[in-house]
PDB file of all heavy atoms in Angstrom:
ATOM      1  N   PHE A   1     -21.930 -10.911 252.167  1.00  0.00           N
ATOM      2  CA  PHE A   1     -21.684  -9.516 252.510  1.00  0.00           C
ATOM      3  C   PHE A   1     -20.541  -9.387 253.532  1.00  0.00           C
ATOM      4  O   PHE A   1     -20.283 -10.312 254.303  1.00  0.00           O
ATOM      5  CB  PHE A   1     -22.958  -8.883 253.075  1.00  0.00           C
ATOM      6  CG  PHE A   1     -24.106  -8.879 252.105  1.00  0.00           C
ATOM      7  CD1 PHE A   1     -25.072  -9.872 252.159  1.00  0.00           C
ATOM      8  CD2 PHE A   1     -24.211  -7.894 251.133  1.00  0.00           C
ATOM      9  CE1 PHE A   1     -26.131  -9.879 251.260  1.00  0.00           C
ATOM     10  CE2 PHE A   1     -25.259  -7.897 250.233  1.00  0.00           C
ATOM     11  CZ  PHE A   1     -26.221  -8.888 250.293  1.00  0.00           C
ATOM     12  N   PRO A   2     -19.857  -8.241 253.543  1.00  0.00           N
ATOM     13  CA  PRO A   2     -18.750  -8.023 254.490  1.00  0.00           C
ATOM     14  C   PRO A   2     -19.234  -8.098 255.936  1.00  0.00           C
ATOM     15  O   PRO A   2     -20.327  -7.630 256.262  1.00  0.00           O
ATOM     16  CB  PRO A   2     -18.252  -6.614 254.143  1.00  0.00           C
ATOM     17  CG  PRO A   2     -18.748  -6.352 252.763  1.00  0.00           C
ATOM     18  CD  PRO A   2     -20.049  -7.086 252.643  1.00  0.00           C
ATOM     19  N   SER A   3     -18.432  -8.678 256.791  1.00  0.00           N
ATOM     20  CA  SER A   3     -18.771  -8.766 258.209  1.00  0.00           C
ATOM     21  C   SER A   3     -17.553  -8.413 259.044  1.00  0.00           C
ATOM     22  O   SER A   3     -16.416  -8.526 258.580  1.00  0.00           O
ATOM     23  CB  SER A   3     -19.277 -10.171 258.562  1.00  0.00           C
ATOM     24  OG  SER A   3     -18.334 -11.156 258.184  1.00  0.00           O
ATOM     25  N   ARG A   4     -17.788  -8.007 260.278  1.00  0.00           N
ATOM     26  CA  ARG A   4     -16.686  -7.619 261.155  1.00  0.00           C
ATOM     27  C   ARG A   4     -17.099  -7.776 262.609  1.00  0.00           C
ATOM     28  O   ARG A   4     -18.289  -7.948 262.915  1.00  0.00           O
ATOM     29  CB  ARG A   4     -16.282  -6.166 260.892  1.00  0.00           C
ATOM     30  CG  ARG A   4     -17.333  -5.141 261.340  1.00  0.00           C
ATOM     31  CD  ARG A   4     -16.902  -3.720 261.047  1.00  0.00           C
ATOM     32  NE  ARG A   4     -17.870  -2.759 261.579  1.00  0.00           N
ATOM     33  CZ  ARG A   4     -17.788  -1.438 261.409  1.00  0.00           C
ATOM     34  NH1 ARG A   4     -16.780  -0.933 260.702  1.00  0.00           N
ATOM     35  NH2 ARG A   4     -18.708  -0.630 261.929  1.00  0.00           N
ATOM     36  N   ILE A   5     -16.109  -7.722 263.503  1.00  0.00           N
ATOM     37  CA  ILE A   5     -16.358  -7.758 264.942  1.00  0.00           C
ATOM     38  C   ILE A   5     -16.044  -6.384 265.523  1.00  0.00           C
ATOM     39  O   ILE A   5     -15.023  -5.782 265.187  1.00  0.00           O
ATOM     40  CB  ILE A   5     -15.485  -8.829 265.640  1.00  0.00           C
ATOM     41  CG1 ILE A   5     -15.904 -10.227 265.205  1.00  0.00           C
ATOM     42  CG2 ILE A   5     -15.593  -8.697 267.163  1.00  0.00           C
ATOM     43  CD1 ILE A   5     -15.026 -11.321 265.773  1.00  0.00           C
ATOM     44  N   VAL A   6     -16.928  -5.905 266.381  1.00  0.00           N
ATOM     45  CA  VAL A   6     -16.729  -4.628 267.048  1.00  0.00           C
ATOM     46  C   VAL A   6     -16.794  -4.853 268.555  1.00  0.00           C
ATOM     47  O   VAL A   6     -17.776  -5.417 269.049  1.00  0.00           O
ATOM     48  CB  VAL A   6     -17.790  -3.589 266.629  1.00  0.00           C
ATOM     49  CG1 VAL A   6     -17.575  -2.285 267.384  1.00  0.00           C
ATOM     50  CG2 VAL A   6     -17.734  -3.350 265.126  1.00  0.00           C
ATOM     51  N   LYS A   7     -15.755  -4.459 269.257  1.00  0.00           N
ATOM     52  CA  LYS A   7     -15.732  -4.586 270.711  1.00  0.00           C
ATOM     53  C   LYS A   7     -16.328  -3.332 271.331  1.00  0.00           C
ATOM     54  O   LYS A   7     -15.963  -2.215 270.968  1.00  0.00           O
ATOM     55  CB  LYS A   7     -14.286  -4.773 271.198  1.00  0.00           C
ATOM     56  CG  LYS A   7     -14.149  -4.934 272.710  1.00  0.00           C
ATOM     57  CD  LYS A   7     -12.685  -5.101 273.092  1.00  0.00           C
ATOM     58  CE  LYS A   7     -12.521  -5.218 274.606  1.00  0.00           C
ATOM     59  NZ  LYS A   7     -11.097  -5.350 274.975  1.00  0.00           N
ATOM     60  N   LYS A   8     -17.256  -3.542 272.264  1.00  0.00           N
ATOM     61  CA  LYS A   8     -17.933  -2.407 272.894  1.00  0.00           C
ATOM     62  C   LYS A   8     -18.032  -2.615 274.405  1.00  0.00           C
ATOM     63  O   LYS A   8     -17.787  -3.709 274.912  1.00  0.00           O
ATOM     64  CB  LYS A   8     -19.334  -2.216 272.302  1.00  0.00           C
ATOM     65  CG  LYS A   8     -19.347  -1.858 270.823  1.00  0.00           C
ATOM     66  CD  LYS A   8     -20.763  -1.627 270.329  1.00  0.00           C
ATOM     67  CE  LYS A   8     -20.774  -1.236 268.857  1.00  0.00           C
ATOM     68  NZ  LYS A   8     -22.147  -1.006 268.352  1.00  0.00           N
ATOM     69  N   ARG A   9     -18.404  -1.545 275.086  1.00  0.00           N
ATOM     70  CA  ARG A   9     -18.691  -1.631 276.512  1.00  0.00           C
ATOM     71  C   ARG A   9     -20.199  -1.631 276.683  1.00  0.00           C
ATOM     72  O   ARG A   9     -20.914  -0.861 276.050  1.00  0.00           O
ATOM     73  CB  ARG A   9     -18.090  -0.448 277.267  1.00  0.00           C
ATOM     74  CG  ARG A   9     -16.577  -0.386 277.249  1.00  0.00           C
ATOM     75  CD  ARG A   9     -15.946  -1.523 278.012  1.00  0.00           C
ATOM     76  NE  ARG A   9     -16.249  -1.440 279.439  1.00  0.00           N
ATOM     77  CZ  ARG A   9     -15.854  -2.343 280.323  1.00  0.00           C
ATOM     78  NH1 ARG A   9     -15.182  -3.424 279.919  1.00  0.00           N
ATOM     79  NH2 ARG A   9     -16.132  -2.205 281.597  1.00  0.00           N
ATOM     80  N   ALA A  10     -20.693  -2.525 277.518  1.00  0.00           N
ATOM     81  CA  ALA A  10     -22.130  -2.625 277.740  1.00  0.00           C
ATOM     82  C   ALA A  10     -22.415  -2.691 279.234  1.00  0.00           C
ATOM     83  O   ALA A  10     -21.531  -2.996 280.040  1.00  0.00           O
ATOM     84  CB  ALA A  10     -22.692  -3.866 277.044  1.00  0.00           C
ATOM     85  N   ARG A  11     -23.649  -2.400 279.586  1.00  0.00           N
ATOM     86  CA  ARG A  11     -24.040  -2.495 280.996  1.00  0.00           C
ATOM     87  C   ARG A  11     -23.878  -3.922 281.492  1.00  0.00           C
ATOM     88  O   ARG A  11     -24.096  -4.876 280.746  1.00  0.00           O
ATOM     89  CB  ARG A  11     -25.495  -2.046 281.174  1.00  0.00           C
ATOM     90  CG  ARG A  11     -25.718  -0.566 280.877  1.00  0.00           C
ATOM     91  CD  ARG A  11     -27.157  -0.188 281.127  1.00  0.00           C
ATOM     92  NE  ARG A  11     -27.408   1.209 280.819  1.00  0.00           N
ATOM     93  CZ  ARG A  11     -28.582   1.810 280.967  1.00  0.00           C
ATOM     94  NH1 ARG A  11     -29.614   1.106 281.425  1.00  0.00           N
ATOM     95  NH2 ARG A  11     -28.724   3.073 280.671  1.00  0.00           N
ATOM     96  N   GLU A  12     -23.544  -4.055 282.725  1.00  0.00           N
ATOM     97  CA  GLU A  12     -23.305  -5.372 283.301  1.00  0.00           C
ATOM     98  C   GLU A  12     -24.519  -6.273 283.179  1.00  0.00           C
ATOM     99  O   GLU A  12     -24.396  -7.491 283.043  1.00  0.00           O
ATOM    100  CB  GLU A  12     -22.924  -5.235 284.781  1.00  0.00           C
ATOM    101  CG  GLU A  12     -22.586  -6.542 285.478  1.00  0.00           C
ATOM    102  CD  GLU A  12     -21.364  -7.216 284.884  1.00  0.00           C
ATOM    103  OE1 GLU A  12     -20.465  -6.501 284.403  1.00  0.00           O
ATOM    104  OE2 GLU A  12     -21.314  -8.457 284.892  1.00  0.00           O
ATOM    105  N   SER A  13     -25.711  -5.664 283.187  1.00  0.00           N
ATOM    106  CA  SER A  13     -26.944  -6.462 283.146  1.00  0.00           C
ATOM    107  C   SER A  13     -27.242  -7.022 281.764  1.00  0.00           C
ATOM    108  O   SER A  13     -28.095  -7.885 281.605  1.00  0.00           O
ATOM    109  CB  SER A  13     -28.139  -5.612 283.603  1.00  0.00           C
ATOM    110  OG  SER A  13     -28.294  -4.489 282.754  1.00  0.00           O
ATOM    111  N   ARG A  14     -26.539  -6.537 280.757  1.00  0.00           N
ATOM    112  CA  ARG A  14     -26.842  -6.972 279.392  1.00  0.00           C
ATOM    113  C   ARG A  14     -26.345  -8.387 279.139  1.00  0.00           C
ATOM    114  O   ARG A  14     -25.203  -8.716 279.402  1.00  0.00           O
ATOM    115  CB  ARG A  14     -26.219  -6.022 278.369  1.00  0.00           C
ATOM    116  CG  ARG A  14     -26.605  -6.369 276.930  1.00  0.00           C
ATOM    117  CD  ARG A  14     -26.042  -5.363 275.961  1.00  0.00           C
ATOM    118  NE  ARG A  14     -26.403  -5.694 274.589  1.00  0.00           N
ATOM    119  CZ  ARG A  14     -25.959  -5.036 273.540  1.00  0.00           C
ATOM    120  NH1 ARG A  14     -25.134  -4.017 273.702  1.00  0.00           N
ATOM    121  NH2 ARG A  14     -26.315  -5.391 272.323  1.00  0.00           N
ATOM    122  N   ARG A  15     -27.223  -9.228 278.634  1.00  0.00           N
ATOM    123  CA  ARG A  15     -26.864 -10.601 278.298  1.00  0.00           C
ATOM    124  C   ARG A  15     -27.454 -10.925 276.924  1.00  0.00           C
ATOM    125  O   ARG A  15     -28.199 -10.154 276.350  1.00  0.00           O
ATOM    126  CB  ARG A  15     -27.392 -11.583 279.358  1.00  0.00           C
ATOM    127  CG  ARG A  15     -26.628 -11.506 280.691  1.00  0.00           C
ATOM    128  CD  ARG A  15     -25.192 -11.983 280.524  1.00  0.00           C
ATOM    129  NE  ARG A  15     -24.467 -12.007 281.787  1.00  0.00           N
ATOM    130  CZ  ARG A  15     -23.777 -10.996 282.267  1.00  0.00           C
ATOM    131  NH1 ARG A  15     -23.740  -9.849 281.613  1.00  0.00           N
ATOM    132  NH2 ARG A  15     -23.147 -11.101 283.411  1.00  0.00           N
ATOM    133  N   PHE A  16     -27.129 -12.093 276.386  1.00  0.00           N
ATOM    134  CA  PHE A  16     -27.576 -12.461 275.058  1.00  0.00           C
ATOM    135  C   PHE A  16     -28.348 -13.782 275.086  1.00  0.00           C
ATOM    136  O   PHE A  16     -27.799 -14.838 274.819  1.00  0.00           O
ATOM    137  CB  PHE A  16     -26.372 -12.574 274.120  1.00  0.00           C
ATOM    138  CG  PHE A  16     -25.604 -11.287 273.998  1.00  0.00           C
ATOM    139  CD1 PHE A  16     -24.385 -11.131 274.635  1.00  0.00           C
ATOM    140  CD2 PHE A  16     -26.121 -10.242 273.255  1.00  0.00           C
ATOM    141  CE1 PHE A  16     -23.693  -9.941 274.527  1.00  0.00           C
ATOM    142  CE2 PHE A  16     -25.420  -9.038 273.134  1.00  0.00           C
ATOM    143  CZ  PHE A  16     -24.206  -8.898 273.778  1.00  0.00           C
ATOM    144  N   PRO A  17     -29.656 -13.737 275.461  1.00  0.00           N
ATOM    145  CA  PRO A  17     -30.479 -14.951 275.452  1.00  0.00           C
ATOM    146  C   PRO A  17     -30.807 -15.367 274.025  1.00  0.00           C
ATOM    147  O   PRO A  17     -30.294 -14.801 273.060  1.00  0.00           O
ATOM    148  CB  PRO A  17     -31.738 -14.507 276.214  1.00  0.00           C
ATOM    149  CG  PRO A  17     -31.818 -13.043 275.963  1.00  0.00           C
ATOM    150  CD  PRO A  17     -30.396 -12.564 275.909  1.00  0.00           C
ATOM    151  N   MET A  18     -31.730 -16.330 273.864  1.00  0.00           N
ATOM    152  CA  MET A  18     -31.985 -16.894 272.544  1.00  0.00           C
ATOM    153  C   MET A  18     -32.373 -15.831 271.515  1.00  0.00           C
ATOM    154  O   MET A  18     -31.855 -15.825 270.397  1.00  0.00           O
ATOM    155  CB  MET A  18     -33.092 -17.953 272.607  1.00  0.00           C
ATOM    156  CG  MET A  18     -33.279 -18.685 271.276  1.00  0.00           C
ATOM    157  SD  MET A  18     -34.732 -19.751 271.198  1.00  0.00           S
ATOM    158  CE  MET A  18     -35.993 -18.578 270.722  1.00  0.00           C
ATOM    159  N   PHE A  19     -33.271 -14.909 271.877  1.00  0.00           N
ATOM    160  CA  PHE A  19     -33.704 -13.926 270.900  1.00  0.00           C
ATOM    161  C   PHE A  19     -32.590 -12.970 270.510  1.00  0.00           C
ATOM    162  O   PHE A  19     -32.661 -12.324 269.471  1.00  0.00           O
ATOM    163  CB  PHE A  19     -34.928 -13.161 271.414  1.00  0.00           C
ATOM    164  CG  PHE A  19     -36.219 -13.877 271.156  1.00  0.00           C
ATOM    165  CD1 PHE A  19     -36.817 -14.631 272.152  1.00  0.00           C
ATOM    166  CD2 PHE A  19     -36.819 -13.837 269.911  1.00  0.00           C
ATOM    167  CE1 PHE A  19     -37.991 -15.321 271.911  1.00  0.00           C
ATOM    168  CE2 PHE A  19     -38.010 -14.517 269.657  1.00  0.00           C
ATOM    169  CZ  PHE A  19     -38.598 -15.262 270.662  1.00  0.00           C
ATOM    170  N   GLU A  20     -31.555 -12.873 271.344  1.00  0.00           N
ATOM    171  CA  GLU A  20     -30.399 -12.059 270.974  1.00  0.00           C
ATOM    172  C   GLU A  20     -29.591 -12.742 269.881  1.00  0.00           C
ATOM    173  O   GLU A  20     -28.722 -12.125 269.270  1.00  0.00           O
ATOM    174  CB  GLU A  20     -29.515 -11.776 272.194  1.00  0.00           C
ATOM    175  CG  GLU A  20     -30.062 -10.729 273.133  1.00  0.00           C
ATOM    176  CD  GLU A  20     -30.030  -9.337 272.530  1.00  0.00           C
ATOM    177  OE1 GLU A  20     -29.268  -9.141 271.561  1.00  0.00           O
ATOM    178  OE2 GLU A  20     -30.751  -8.462 273.012  1.00  0.00           O
ATOM    179  N   ARG A  21     -29.853 -14.028 269.660  1.00  0.00           N
ATOM    180  CA  ARG A  21     -29.182 -14.744 268.570  1.00  0.00           C
ATOM    181  C   ARG A  21     -29.844 -14.455 267.238  1.00  0.00           C
ATOM    182  O   ARG A  21     -29.303 -14.793 266.190  1.00  0.00           O
ATOM    183  CB  ARG A  21     -29.186 -16.246 268.849  1.00  0.00           C
ATOM    184  CG  ARG A  21     -28.373 -16.675 270.061  1.00  0.00           C
ATOM    185  CD  ARG A  21     -28.606 -18.147 270.376  1.00  0.00           C
ATOM    186  NE  ARG A  21     -28.314 -18.998 269.237  1.00  0.00           N
ATOM    187  CZ  ARG A  21     -28.746 -20.261 269.122  1.00  0.00           C
ATOM    188  NH1 ARG A  21     -29.508 -20.781 270.065  1.00  0.00           N
ATOM    189  NH2 ARG A  21     -28.428 -20.977 268.070  1.00  0.00           N
ATOM    190  N   PHE A  22     -31.030 -13.833 267.273  1.00  0.00           N
ATOM    191  CA  PHE A  22     -31.726 -13.490 266.039  1.00  0.00           C
ATOM    192  C   PHE A  22     -30.968 -12.388 265.307  1.00  0.00           C
ATOM    193  O   PHE A  22     -30.590 -11.379 265.900  1.00  0.00           O
ATOM    194  CB  PHE A  22     -33.143 -13.002 266.348  1.00  0.00           C
ATOM    195  CG  PHE A  22     -34.144 -14.107 266.504  1.00  0.00           C
ATOM    196  CD1 PHE A  22     -33.829 -15.245 267.224  1.00  0.00           C
ATOM    197  CD2 PHE A  22     -35.410 -13.999 265.963  1.00  0.00           C
ATOM    198  CE1 PHE A  22     -34.744 -16.262 267.385  1.00  0.00           C
ATOM    199  CE2 PHE A  22     -36.344 -15.008 266.115  1.00  0.00           C
ATOM    200  CZ  PHE A  22     -36.004 -16.148 266.820  1.00  0.00           C
ATOM    201  N   THR A  23     -30.766 -12.580 264.002  1.00  0.00           N
ATOM    202  CA  THR A  23     -30.164 -11.533 263.193  1.00  0.00           C
ATOM    203  C   THR A  23     -31.183 -10.408 263.022  1.00  0.00           C
ATOM    204  O   THR A  23     -32.362 -10.557 263.374  1.00  0.00           O
ATOM    205  CB  THR A  23     -29.759 -12.057 261.811  1.00  0.00           C
ATOM    206  OG1 THR A  23     -30.947 -12.441 261.097  1.00  0.00           O
ATOM    207  CG2 THR A  23     -28.831 -13.268 261.930  1.00  0.00           C
ATOM    208  N   GLU A  24     -30.723  -9.284 262.471  1.00  0.00           N
ATOM    209  CA  GLU A  24     -31.638  -8.176 262.238  1.00  0.00           C
ATOM    210  C   GLU A  24     -32.770  -8.594 261.306  1.00  0.00           C
ATOM    211  O   GLU A  24     -33.921  -8.177 261.483  1.00  0.00           O
ATOM    212  CB  GLU A  24     -30.875  -6.991 261.643  1.00  0.00           C
ATOM    213  CG  GLU A  24     -29.991  -6.256 262.649  1.00  0.00           C
ATOM    214  CD  GLU A  24     -30.792  -5.663 263.787  1.00  0.00           C
ATOM    215  OE1 GLU A  24     -31.828  -5.014 263.519  1.00  0.00           O
ATOM    216  OE2 GLU A  24     -30.401  -5.842 264.956  1.00  0.00           O
ATOM    217  N   ARG A  25     -32.462  -9.426 260.315  1.00  0.00           N
ATOM    218  CA  ARG A  25     -33.505  -9.882 259.388  1.00  0.00           C
ATOM    219  C   ARG A  25     -34.505 -10.786 260.091  1.00  0.00           C
ATOM    220  O   ARG A  25     -35.710 -10.738 259.805  1.00  0.00           O
ATOM    221  CB  ARG A  25     -32.882 -10.584 258.185  1.00  0.00           C
ATOM    222  CG  ARG A  25     -32.106  -9.668 257.261  1.00  0.00           C
ATOM    223  CD  ARG A  25     -31.645 -10.372 255.995  1.00  0.00           C
ATOM    224  NE  ARG A  25     -30.840 -11.551 256.276  1.00  0.00           N
ATOM    225  CZ  ARG A  25     -31.209 -12.802 256.002  1.00  0.00           C
ATOM    226  NH1 ARG A  25     -32.369 -13.037 255.423  1.00  0.00           N
ATOM    227  NH2 ARG A  25     -30.426 -13.816 256.282  1.00  0.00           N
ATOM    228  N   ALA A  26     -34.031 -11.620 261.018  1.00  0.00           N
ATOM    229  CA  ALA A  26     -34.933 -12.495 261.771  1.00  0.00           C
ATOM    230  C   ALA A  26     -35.826 -11.675 262.696  1.00  0.00           C
ATOM    231  O   ALA A  26     -37.016 -11.971 262.871  1.00  0.00           O
ATOM    232  CB  ALA A  26     -34.136 -13.513 262.580  1.00  0.00           C
ATOM    233  N   ARG A  27     -35.253 -10.631 263.278  1.00  0.00           N
ATOM    234  CA  ARG A  27     -36.070  -9.748 264.119  1.00  0.00           C
ATOM    235  C   ARG A  27     -37.111  -9.020 263.275  1.00  0.00           C
ATOM    236  O   ARG A  27     -38.229  -8.782 263.731  1.00  0.00           O
ATOM    237  CB  ARG A  27     -35.167  -8.756 264.846  1.00  0.00           C
ATOM    238  CG  ARG A  27     -34.242  -9.413 265.855  1.00  0.00           C
ATOM    239  CD  ARG A  27     -33.324  -8.415 266.496  1.00  0.00           C
ATOM    240  NE  ARG A  27     -32.296  -9.092 267.275  1.00  0.00           N
ATOM    241  CZ  ARG A  27     -31.353  -8.470 267.945  1.00  0.00           C
ATOM    242  NH1 ARG A  27     -31.301  -7.156 267.933  1.00  0.00           N
ATOM    243  NH2 ARG A  27     -30.453  -9.157 268.629  1.00  0.00           N
ATOM    244  N   ALA A  28     -36.715  -8.681 262.041  1.00  0.00           N
ATOM    245  CA  ALA A  28     -37.665  -8.032 261.140  1.00  0.00           C
ATOM    246  C   ALA A  28     -38.827  -8.973 260.840  1.00  0.00           C
ATOM    247  O   ALA A  28     -39.981  -8.534 260.719  1.00  0.00           O
ATOM    248  CB  ALA A  28     -36.967  -7.620 259.844  1.00  0.00           C
ATOM    249  N   VAL A  29     -38.554 -10.268 260.735  1.00  0.00           N
ATOM    250  CA  VAL A  29     -39.611 -11.261 260.517  1.00  0.00           C
ATOM    251  C   VAL A  29     -40.618 -11.207 261.650  1.00  0.00           C
ATOM    252  O   VAL A  29     -41.836 -11.203 261.427  1.00  0.00           O
ATOM    253  CB  VAL A  29     -39.020 -12.689 260.396  1.00  0.00           C
ATOM    254  CG1 VAL A  29     -40.137 -13.739 260.474  1.00  0.00           C
ATOM    255  CG2 VAL A  29     -38.251 -12.846 259.099  1.00  0.00           C
ATOM    256  N   VAL A  30     -40.121 -11.162 262.886  1.00  0.00           N
ATOM    257  CA  VAL A  30     -41.004 -11.120 264.054  1.00  0.00           C
ATOM    258  C   VAL A  30     -41.813  -9.831 264.069  1.00  0.00           C
ATOM    259  O   VAL A  30     -43.017  -9.832 264.372  1.00  0.00           O
ATOM    260  CB  VAL A  30     -40.184 -11.262 265.351  1.00  0.00           C
ATOM    261  CG1 VAL A  30     -41.079 -11.072 266.571  1.00  0.00           C
ATOM    262  CG2 VAL A  30     -39.504 -12.624 265.407  1.00  0.00           C
TER     263      VAL A  30
END
């Protein structure tokens, strides 16, 4: 499927721990 990168502004506190590596489908599994 088509994929792309989108640059955004986020709160300084936002980080990407292990569960942030989960795709939407993986989160749906949980």
